[in-house]
Each structure stands twice: as structure tokens, then as C-alpha cells.
């Protein structure tokens, strides 16, 4: 298995800052790996809600997570903050894969990076529906080519 190279802040279409909490820290003194997934989920859904293309309690179509993964490079520590870079790596007919980098309060190298795949489904029937209109435009705005950063 080849270990991935950490991405850089500039590789992402959007970077948001999130406060870390004391209880995000585990017994080993660093932010627990499960918190990284919470940060990814919050960055993705926060963006969709903020852009007005998703209302988790009312939208006729909702996103379900079908895959996620994360590689860890460096410990993230409280008090943070954590910065989360977001871009769309693939936009299909009814699915979208987000590529996500998590950064500490300083430095341009990701402390962790992963992906998060959503499928858009009807709220009631839970079958895939096409990503269209304002939602597609919103996601298209996050499509960005990965820049290979020299080391």
C-alpha cells in the first residue's frame, strides 16, 4: 500500500474553520479519529445548508452517505481550531464525492484527508434521484483540480 501525500490548503475550493472542544480530545491527548469524520460531515452539510440547497428536515430529496474514508498524517490537538478544506472530486448523476482536507490552525499541509460520498435520494422512497438545478450548480462551484504541490 502506498501512503498518500498530504494535500495543501490551496488544493481546496473552500476552507472553513471549526472550533474544537475539550471533549474532542481522547485519552492519548489528541483529537479522536471519530471527530475528523464529524468535521467532514459538518463541512459538507453546513455548506449545502448555507447555500440554501438543502433543508435537512424539509427537502424532498436528501443525501445519504454511502462511503467515507480518512488518512491521518499528524495529530490534531485542542484547542485548535481545525480548518476543513472542501472540494468536489466527482459529480455524477445522483452522487457526489467530496475530497476533504483537515488542517491545524497553522501550516499548509493536511493533518488528515479523506473523502465522503453522498447519494441524493427521495426522502420518502430512498431511491436515487438526479442532482439538478441549483444543487448541481452549488456542487459544481466546488469542482477543482488537485494541484500537485512540490515538496
N, C-alpha and C. Protein backbone atom coordinates (compact mmCIF):
# COMPACT_ATOMS: atom_id res chain seq x y z
N UNK A 1 0.84 -1.18 0.00
CA UNK A 1 0.00 0.00 0.00
C UNK A 1 0.89 1.24 0.00
N UNK A 2 0.59 2.16 -0.88
CA UNK A 2 1.33 3.41 -0.96
C UNK A 2 0.65 4.45 -0.09
N UNK A 3 1.42 5.07 0.77
CA UNK A 3 0.87 6.09 1.66
C UNK A 3 0.63 7.37 0.86
N UNK A 4 -0.58 7.96 0.97
CA UNK A 4 -0.85 9.20 0.25
C UNK A 4 0.00 10.36 0.79
N UNK A 5 0.19 11.34 -0.05
CA UNK A 5 0.89 12.56 0.34
C UNK A 5 -0.14 13.56 0.85
N UNK A 6 0.13 14.25 1.95
CA UNK A 6 -0.83 15.24 2.45
C UNK A 6 -1.12 16.32 1.41
N UNK A 7 -2.38 16.67 1.28
CA UNK A 7 -2.78 17.75 0.39
C UNK A 7 -2.43 19.09 1.04
N UNK A 8 -2.60 20.14 0.28
CA UNK A 8 -2.30 21.50 0.74
C UNK A 8 -3.60 22.31 0.81
N UNK A 9 -3.63 23.32 1.67
CA UNK A 9 -4.82 24.18 1.78
C UNK A 9 -5.27 24.71 0.42
N UNK A 10 -4.31 25.11 -0.40
CA UNK A 10 -4.63 25.70 -1.69
C UNK A 10 -5.26 24.73 -2.68
N UNK A 11 -5.29 23.44 -2.35
CA UNK A 11 -5.89 22.44 -3.22
C UNK A 11 -7.42 22.46 -3.16
N UNK A 12 -7.98 23.19 -2.22
CA UNK A 12 -9.42 23.13 -1.96
C UNK A 12 -10.14 24.39 -2.41
N UNK A 13 -11.36 24.21 -2.87
CA UNK A 13 -12.18 25.32 -3.34
C UNK A 13 -12.70 26.18 -2.19
N UNK A 14 -12.79 25.60 -1.01
CA UNK A 14 -13.36 26.29 0.15
C UNK A 14 -12.67 25.76 1.39
N UNK A 15 -12.36 26.64 2.34
CA UNK A 15 -11.79 26.24 3.62
C UNK A 15 -12.55 26.97 4.72
N UNK A 16 -13.10 26.21 5.66
CA UNK A 16 -13.83 26.77 6.79
C UNK A 16 -13.15 26.39 8.09
N UNK A 17 -13.30 27.22 9.10
CA UNK A 17 -12.71 26.98 10.41
C UNK A 17 -13.79 26.49 11.38
N UNK A 18 -13.43 25.50 12.19
CA UNK A 18 -14.35 24.94 13.18
C UNK A 18 -13.65 24.87 14.53
N UNK A 19 -14.35 25.28 15.56
CA UNK A 19 -13.80 25.21 16.92
C UNK A 19 -13.72 23.76 17.36
N UNK A 20 -12.62 23.42 18.01
CA UNK A 20 -12.52 22.12 18.64
C UNK A 20 -12.96 22.26 20.09
N UNK A 21 -13.48 21.19 20.65
CA UNK A 21 -13.95 21.20 22.03
C UNK A 21 -13.02 20.36 22.90
N UNK A 22 -13.01 20.65 24.16
CA UNK A 22 -12.19 19.90 25.10
C UNK A 22 -12.48 18.41 25.01
N UNK A 23 -13.77 18.05 24.89
CA UNK A 23 -14.11 16.63 24.88
C UNK A 23 -13.88 15.96 23.52
N UNK A 24 -13.32 16.69 22.55
CA UNK A 24 -12.89 16.08 21.30
C UNK A 24 -11.57 15.31 21.49
N UNK A 25 -10.90 15.62 22.59
CA UNK A 25 -9.60 15.01 22.90
C UNK A 25 -9.81 13.66 23.58
N UNK A 26 -9.02 12.67 23.15
CA UNK A 26 -9.15 11.36 23.76
C UNK A 26 -8.05 11.13 24.81
N UNK A 27 -7.99 9.95 25.35
CA UNK A 27 -7.08 9.63 26.42
C UNK A 27 -5.61 9.77 25.99
N UNK A 28 -5.35 9.74 24.68
CA UNK A 28 -3.99 9.86 24.17
C UNK A 28 -3.54 11.31 24.02
N UNK A 29 -4.44 12.25 24.27
CA UNK A 29 -4.08 13.66 24.24
C UNK A 29 -4.26 14.35 22.90
N UNK A 30 -4.81 13.64 21.92
CA UNK A 30 -5.07 14.27 20.63
C UNK A 30 -6.55 14.14 20.27
N UNK A 31 -6.96 14.87 19.26
CA UNK A 31 -8.36 14.80 18.81
C UNK A 31 -8.61 13.39 18.28
N UNK A 32 -9.68 12.77 18.77
CA UNK A 32 -10.02 11.41 18.41
C UNK A 32 -10.37 11.30 16.94
N UNK A 33 -10.03 10.17 16.32
CA UNK A 33 -10.26 9.98 14.88
C UNK A 33 -11.72 10.16 14.49
N UNK A 34 -12.65 9.82 15.34
CA UNK A 34 -14.07 9.98 15.00
C UNK A 34 -14.44 11.44 14.81
N UNK A 35 -13.74 12.34 15.47
CA UNK A 35 -14.01 13.78 15.34
C UNK A 35 -13.69 14.24 13.92
N UNK A 36 -12.69 13.65 13.29
CA UNK A 36 -12.36 14.02 11.92
C UNK A 36 -13.56 13.77 11.00
N UNK A 37 -14.25 12.65 11.21
CA UNK A 37 -15.44 12.36 10.41
C UNK A 37 -16.56 13.36 10.70
N UNK A 38 -16.70 13.75 11.96
CA UNK A 38 -17.71 14.76 12.30
C UNK A 38 -17.40 16.07 11.61
N UNK A 39 -16.13 16.45 11.57
CA UNK A 39 -15.73 17.69 10.90
C UNK A 39 -16.04 17.61 9.40
N UNK A 40 -15.77 16.47 8.78
CA UNK A 40 -16.07 16.31 7.36
C UNK A 40 -17.57 16.44 7.10
N UNK A 41 -18.37 15.75 7.90
CA UNK A 41 -19.82 15.77 7.75
C UNK A 41 -20.36 17.19 7.96
N UNK A 42 -19.84 17.88 8.95
CA UNK A 42 -20.28 19.24 9.24
C UNK A 42 -19.91 20.19 8.12
N UNK A 43 -18.71 20.06 7.57
CA UNK A 43 -18.29 20.94 6.47
C UNK A 43 -19.17 20.74 5.24
N UNK A 44 -19.44 19.50 4.89
CA UNK A 44 -20.24 19.20 3.70
C UNK A 44 -21.67 19.69 3.88
N UNK A 45 -22.34 19.24 4.93
CA UNK A 45 -23.74 19.61 5.11
C UNK A 45 -23.92 21.07 5.47
N UNK A 46 -22.97 21.64 6.20
CA UNK A 46 -23.02 23.07 6.50
C UNK A 46 -22.99 23.90 5.24
N UNK A 47 -22.15 23.52 4.29
CA UNK A 47 -22.07 24.22 3.01
C UNK A 47 -23.41 24.15 2.28
N UNK A 48 -23.99 22.96 2.19
CA UNK A 48 -25.25 22.79 1.46
C UNK A 48 -26.39 23.58 2.11
N UNK A 49 -26.45 23.57 3.43
CA UNK A 49 -27.48 24.33 4.14
C UNK A 49 -27.25 25.82 3.95
N UNK A 50 -26.01 26.27 4.13
CA UNK A 50 -25.68 27.69 3.99
C UNK A 50 -26.02 28.20 2.59
N UNK A 51 -25.81 27.39 1.57
CA UNK A 51 -26.10 27.78 0.20
C UNK A 51 -27.59 27.68 -0.15
N UNK A 52 -28.39 27.17 0.78
CA UNK A 52 -29.84 27.11 0.59
C UNK A 52 -30.31 25.99 -0.34
N UNK A 53 -29.47 24.96 -0.54
CA UNK A 53 -29.87 23.87 -1.42
C UNK A 53 -30.25 22.60 -0.66
N UNK A 54 -30.16 22.66 0.66
CA UNK A 54 -30.55 21.52 1.49
C UNK A 54 -31.20 22.03 2.78
N UNK A 55 -32.38 21.52 3.05
CA UNK A 55 -33.04 21.73 4.35
C UNK A 55 -33.23 20.33 4.91
N UNK A 56 -32.37 19.93 5.86
CA UNK A 56 -32.39 18.54 6.34
C UNK A 56 -33.75 18.04 6.80
N UNK A 57 -34.61 18.92 7.26
CA UNK A 57 -35.90 18.47 7.77
C UNK A 57 -37.05 18.63 6.77
N UNK A 58 -36.82 19.35 5.65
CA UNK A 58 -37.93 19.63 4.74
C UNK A 58 -37.67 19.27 3.27
N UNK A 59 -36.43 19.17 2.85
CA UNK A 59 -36.13 18.92 1.43
C UNK A 59 -36.77 17.62 0.96
N UNK A 60 -37.30 17.63 -0.27
CA UNK A 60 -37.89 16.43 -0.84
C UNK A 60 -36.85 15.35 -1.12
N UNK A 61 -35.62 15.79 -1.39
CA UNK A 61 -34.51 14.85 -1.61
C UNK A 61 -33.45 15.13 -0.56
N UNK A 62 -32.82 14.09 -0.09
CA UNK A 62 -31.78 14.21 0.94
C UNK A 62 -30.56 13.39 0.52
N UNK A 63 -29.44 13.68 1.12
CA UNK A 63 -28.22 12.92 0.84
C UNK A 63 -28.02 11.83 1.88
N UNK A 64 -27.60 10.66 1.42
CA UNK A 64 -27.18 9.57 2.30
C UNK A 64 -25.71 9.30 2.04
N UNK A 65 -24.96 9.07 3.08
CA UNK A 65 -23.56 8.71 2.94
C UNK A 65 -23.48 7.25 2.53
N UNK A 66 -22.73 6.97 1.46
CA UNK A 66 -22.55 5.58 1.02
C UNK A 66 -21.10 5.13 1.17
N UNK A 67 -20.19 6.07 1.35
CA UNK A 67 -18.78 5.71 1.55
C UNK A 67 -18.05 6.88 2.19
N UNK A 68 -17.07 6.56 3.01
CA UNK A 68 -16.19 7.59 3.57
C UNK A 68 -14.87 6.93 3.92
N UNK A 69 -13.82 7.73 3.93
CA UNK A 69 -12.51 7.23 4.33
C UNK A 69 -11.66 8.41 4.75
N UNK A 70 -10.63 8.11 5.55
CA UNK A 70 -9.76 9.16 6.05
C UNK A 70 -8.36 8.60 6.28
N UNK A 71 -7.36 9.36 5.85
CA UNK A 71 -5.96 9.06 6.13
C UNK A 71 -5.46 10.11 7.11
N UNK A 72 -4.68 9.69 8.08
CA UNK A 72 -4.19 10.58 9.13
C UNK A 72 -2.68 10.74 8.99
N UNK A 73 -2.20 11.98 9.12
CA UNK A 73 -0.78 12.26 8.96
C UNK A 73 -0.14 12.80 10.24
N UNK A 74 -0.84 13.71 10.90
CA UNK A 74 -0.31 14.39 12.08
C UNK A 74 -1.44 14.55 13.08
N UNK A 75 -1.10 14.55 14.35
CA UNK A 75 -2.12 14.73 15.38
C UNK A 75 -2.72 16.13 15.31
N UNK A 76 -3.99 16.18 15.57
CA UNK A 76 -4.72 17.44 15.73
C UNK A 76 -4.99 17.56 17.22
N UNK A 77 -4.78 18.76 17.77
CA UNK A 77 -4.90 18.92 19.22
C UNK A 77 -5.81 20.09 19.58
N UNK A 78 -6.53 19.93 20.68
CA UNK A 78 -7.29 21.01 21.29
C UNK A 78 -6.27 22.04 21.79
N UNK A 79 -6.47 23.35 21.68
CA UNK A 79 -7.75 24.00 21.43
C UNK A 79 -8.05 24.29 19.97
N UNK A 80 -7.18 23.95 19.07
CA UNK A 80 -7.50 24.15 17.66
C UNK A 80 -7.37 25.59 17.23
N UNK A 81 -8.14 26.06 16.29
CA UNK A 81 -9.27 25.40 15.61
C UNK A 81 -8.79 24.39 14.56
N UNK A 82 -9.75 23.69 14.00
CA UNK A 82 -9.49 22.84 12.85
C UNK A 82 -10.04 23.56 11.63
N UNK A 83 -9.31 23.54 10.56
CA UNK A 83 -9.77 24.11 9.29
C UNK A 83 -10.04 22.95 8.34
N UNK A 84 -11.16 23.03 7.64
CA UNK A 84 -11.57 21.93 6.77
C UNK A 84 -11.68 22.45 5.34
N UNK A 85 -10.86 21.86 4.46
CA UNK A 85 -10.90 22.19 3.03
C UNK A 85 -11.85 21.26 2.32
N UNK A 86 -12.61 21.81 1.39
CA UNK A 86 -13.66 21.06 0.71
C UNK A 86 -13.60 21.31 -0.78
N UNK A 87 -13.68 20.23 -1.55
CA UNK A 87 -13.84 20.33 -2.99
C UNK A 87 -14.60 19.11 -3.47
N UNK A 88 -15.17 19.20 -4.65
CA UNK A 88 -15.87 18.07 -5.25
C UNK A 88 -14.89 17.38 -6.19
N UNK A 89 -14.63 16.10 -5.90
CA UNK A 89 -13.73 15.31 -6.73
C UNK A 89 -14.45 14.62 -7.87
N UNK A 90 -15.75 14.35 -7.69
CA UNK A 90 -16.56 13.72 -8.74
C UNK A 90 -18.01 14.10 -8.53
N UNK A 91 -18.65 14.53 -9.61
CA UNK A 91 -20.07 14.86 -9.58
C UNK A 91 -20.76 14.01 -10.63
N UNK A 92 -21.53 13.04 -10.16
CA UNK A 92 -22.24 12.15 -11.07
C UNK A 92 -23.70 12.56 -11.23
N UNK A 93 -24.50 11.65 -11.74
CA UNK A 93 -25.92 11.92 -11.97
C UNK A 93 -26.67 12.08 -10.65
N UNK A 94 -26.42 11.17 -9.70
CA UNK A 94 -27.12 11.24 -8.41
C UNK A 94 -26.15 11.15 -7.23
N UNK A 95 -24.85 11.13 -7.52
CA UNK A 95 -23.87 11.03 -6.44
C UNK A 95 -22.82 12.11 -6.55
N UNK A 96 -22.19 12.38 -5.42
CA UNK A 96 -21.11 13.35 -5.37
C UNK A 96 -20.06 12.85 -4.38
N UNK A 97 -18.79 12.92 -4.80
CA UNK A 97 -17.69 12.59 -3.89
C UNK A 97 -16.97 13.88 -3.54
N UNK A 98 -16.93 14.16 -2.24
CA UNK A 98 -16.20 15.31 -1.74
C UNK A 98 -14.80 14.85 -1.36
N UNK A 99 -13.81 15.63 -1.71
CA UNK A 99 -12.45 15.42 -1.23
C UNK A 99 -12.22 16.47 -0.16
N UNK A 100 -11.73 16.02 0.99
CA UNK A 100 -11.71 16.88 2.18
C UNK A 100 -10.34 16.81 2.83
N UNK A 101 -9.81 17.97 3.18
CA UNK A 101 -8.56 18.06 3.92
C UNK A 101 -8.81 18.72 5.26
N UNK A 102 -8.21 18.21 6.29
CA UNK A 102 -8.33 18.80 7.63
C UNK A 102 -6.96 19.34 8.00
N UNK A 103 -6.96 20.58 8.47
CA UNK A 103 -5.73 21.31 8.77
C UNK A 103 -5.76 21.82 10.20
N UNK A 104 -4.60 21.92 10.79
CA UNK A 104 -4.49 22.55 12.09
C UNK A 104 -4.58 24.06 11.92
N UNK A 105 -4.45 24.80 13.02
CA UNK A 105 -4.59 26.26 12.96
C UNK A 105 -3.48 26.93 12.15
N UNK A 106 -2.34 26.26 12.00
CA UNK A 106 -1.25 26.81 11.19
C UNK A 106 -0.75 25.71 10.26
N UNK A 107 -0.01 26.09 9.28
CA UNK A 107 0.56 25.13 8.35
C UNK A 107 -0.35 24.87 7.17
N UNK A 108 0.28 24.54 6.04
CA UNK A 108 -0.48 24.31 4.81
C UNK A 108 -0.67 22.85 4.47
N UNK A 109 0.02 21.94 5.16
CA UNK A 109 -0.14 20.51 4.92
C UNK A 109 -1.32 19.97 5.72
N UNK A 110 -2.11 19.10 5.09
CA UNK A 110 -3.23 18.48 5.79
C UNK A 110 -2.73 17.59 6.92
N UNK A 111 -3.41 17.64 8.06
CA UNK A 111 -3.13 16.71 9.15
C UNK A 111 -3.88 15.40 8.91
N UNK A 112 -4.95 15.49 8.11
CA UNK A 112 -5.74 14.33 7.70
C UNK A 112 -6.46 14.70 6.41
N UNK A 113 -6.77 13.71 5.61
CA UNK A 113 -7.54 13.97 4.40
C UNK A 113 -8.35 12.73 4.08
N UNK A 114 -9.49 12.97 3.46
CA UNK A 114 -10.34 11.84 3.14
C UNK A 114 -11.35 12.18 2.08
N UNK A 115 -12.32 11.31 1.96
CA UNK A 115 -13.41 11.53 1.02
C UNK A 115 -14.72 11.11 1.67
N UNK A 116 -15.78 11.61 1.09
CA UNK A 116 -17.11 11.45 1.64
C UNK A 116 -18.03 11.37 0.43
N UNK A 117 -18.72 10.27 0.21
CA UNK A 117 -19.59 10.14 -0.96
C UNK A 117 -21.05 10.14 -0.53
N UNK A 118 -21.80 11.03 -1.15
CA UNK A 118 -23.24 11.16 -0.92
C UNK A 118 -23.99 10.67 -2.15
N UNK A 119 -25.15 10.07 -1.93
CA UNK A 119 -26.11 9.80 -3.00
C UNK A 119 -27.38 10.56 -2.64
N UNK A 120 -27.91 11.29 -3.62
CA UNK A 120 -29.15 12.03 -3.43
C UNK A 120 -30.31 11.07 -3.65
N UNK A 121 -31.20 10.98 -2.65
CA UNK A 121 -32.35 10.08 -2.71
C UNK A 121 -33.62 10.84 -2.34
N UNK A 122 -34.75 10.33 -2.80
CA UNK A 122 -36.03 10.88 -2.38
C UNK A 122 -36.22 10.62 -0.90
N UNK A 123 -36.70 11.62 -0.19
CA UNK A 123 -36.88 11.48 1.26
C UNK A 123 -37.75 10.28 1.61
N UNK A 124 -38.83 10.08 0.88
CA UNK A 124 -39.78 9.03 1.24
C UNK A 124 -39.44 7.66 0.64
N UNK A 125 -39.00 7.61 -0.61
CA UNK A 125 -38.77 6.31 -1.26
C UNK A 125 -37.32 5.84 -1.18
N UNK A 126 -36.40 6.72 -0.81
CA UNK A 126 -34.98 6.38 -0.62
C UNK A 126 -34.33 5.76 -1.86
N UNK A 127 -34.80 6.15 -3.03
CA UNK A 127 -34.21 5.74 -4.31
C UNK A 127 -33.46 6.93 -4.88
N UNK A 128 -32.35 6.70 -5.60
CA UNK A 128 -31.58 7.81 -6.16
C UNK A 128 -32.41 8.69 -7.09
N UNK A 129 -32.13 9.99 -6.98
CA UNK A 129 -32.74 10.99 -7.87
C UNK A 129 -31.61 11.85 -8.43
N UNK A 130 -31.82 12.46 -9.60
CA UNK A 130 -30.77 13.26 -10.22
C UNK A 130 -30.44 14.53 -9.42
N UNK A 131 -29.17 14.86 -9.40
CA UNK A 131 -28.71 16.13 -8.85
C UNK A 131 -28.88 17.15 -9.98
N UNK A 132 -29.75 18.14 -9.77
CA UNK A 132 -30.07 19.07 -10.85
C UNK A 132 -30.20 20.50 -10.31
N UNK A 133 -30.36 21.43 -11.22
CA UNK A 133 -30.67 22.82 -10.91
C UNK A 133 -29.66 23.49 -9.99
N UNK A 134 -30.21 24.21 -8.99
CA UNK A 134 -29.37 24.98 -8.06
C UNK A 134 -28.42 24.07 -7.28
N UNK A 135 -28.85 22.88 -6.96
CA UNK A 135 -27.99 21.94 -6.23
C UNK A 135 -26.78 21.56 -7.07
N UNK A 136 -26.99 21.23 -8.34
CA UNK A 136 -25.87 20.89 -9.23
C UNK A 136 -24.94 22.09 -9.38
N UNK A 137 -25.50 23.28 -9.54
CA UNK A 137 -24.67 24.49 -9.67
C UNK A 137 -23.84 24.72 -8.42
N UNK A 138 -24.44 24.51 -7.26
CA UNK A 138 -23.75 24.68 -5.98
C UNK A 138 -22.58 23.70 -5.86
N UNK A 139 -22.81 22.46 -6.23
CA UNK A 139 -21.75 21.45 -6.16
C UNK A 139 -20.69 21.68 -7.23
N UNK A 140 -21.11 22.10 -8.40
CA UNK A 140 -20.15 22.39 -9.48
C UNK A 140 -19.18 23.50 -9.09
N UNK A 141 -19.63 24.41 -8.25
CA UNK A 141 -18.76 25.51 -7.79
C UNK A 141 -17.59 24.99 -6.96
N UNK A 142 -17.69 23.77 -6.44
CA UNK A 142 -16.62 23.20 -5.62
C UNK A 142 -15.70 22.26 -6.40
N UNK A 143 -15.96 22.10 -7.70
CA UNK A 143 -15.09 21.24 -8.51
C UNK A 143 -13.78 21.99 -8.72
N UNK A 144 -12.70 21.32 -8.39
CA UNK A 144 -11.38 21.95 -8.50
C UNK A 144 -10.35 20.87 -8.78
N UNK A 145 -9.50 21.14 -9.70
CA UNK A 145 -8.43 20.20 -9.99
C UNK A 145 -7.44 20.19 -8.84
N UNK A 146 -6.96 19.01 -8.51
CA UNK A 146 -5.94 18.89 -7.48
C UNK A 146 -4.61 19.42 -8.02
N UNK A 147 -3.99 20.24 -7.26
CA UNK A 147 -2.68 20.77 -7.64
C UNK A 147 -1.63 19.93 -6.93
N UNK A 148 -0.70 19.39 -7.66
CA UNK A 148 0.37 18.62 -7.05
C UNK A 148 1.39 19.63 -6.54
N UNK A 149 1.52 19.68 -5.23
CA UNK A 149 2.42 20.65 -4.60
C UNK A 149 3.82 20.07 -4.47
N UNK A 150 4.83 20.81 -4.90
CA UNK A 150 6.21 20.31 -4.75
C UNK A 150 6.60 20.26 -3.28
N UNK A 151 7.40 19.29 -2.93
CA UNK A 151 7.87 19.16 -1.55
C UNK A 151 9.34 19.51 -1.49
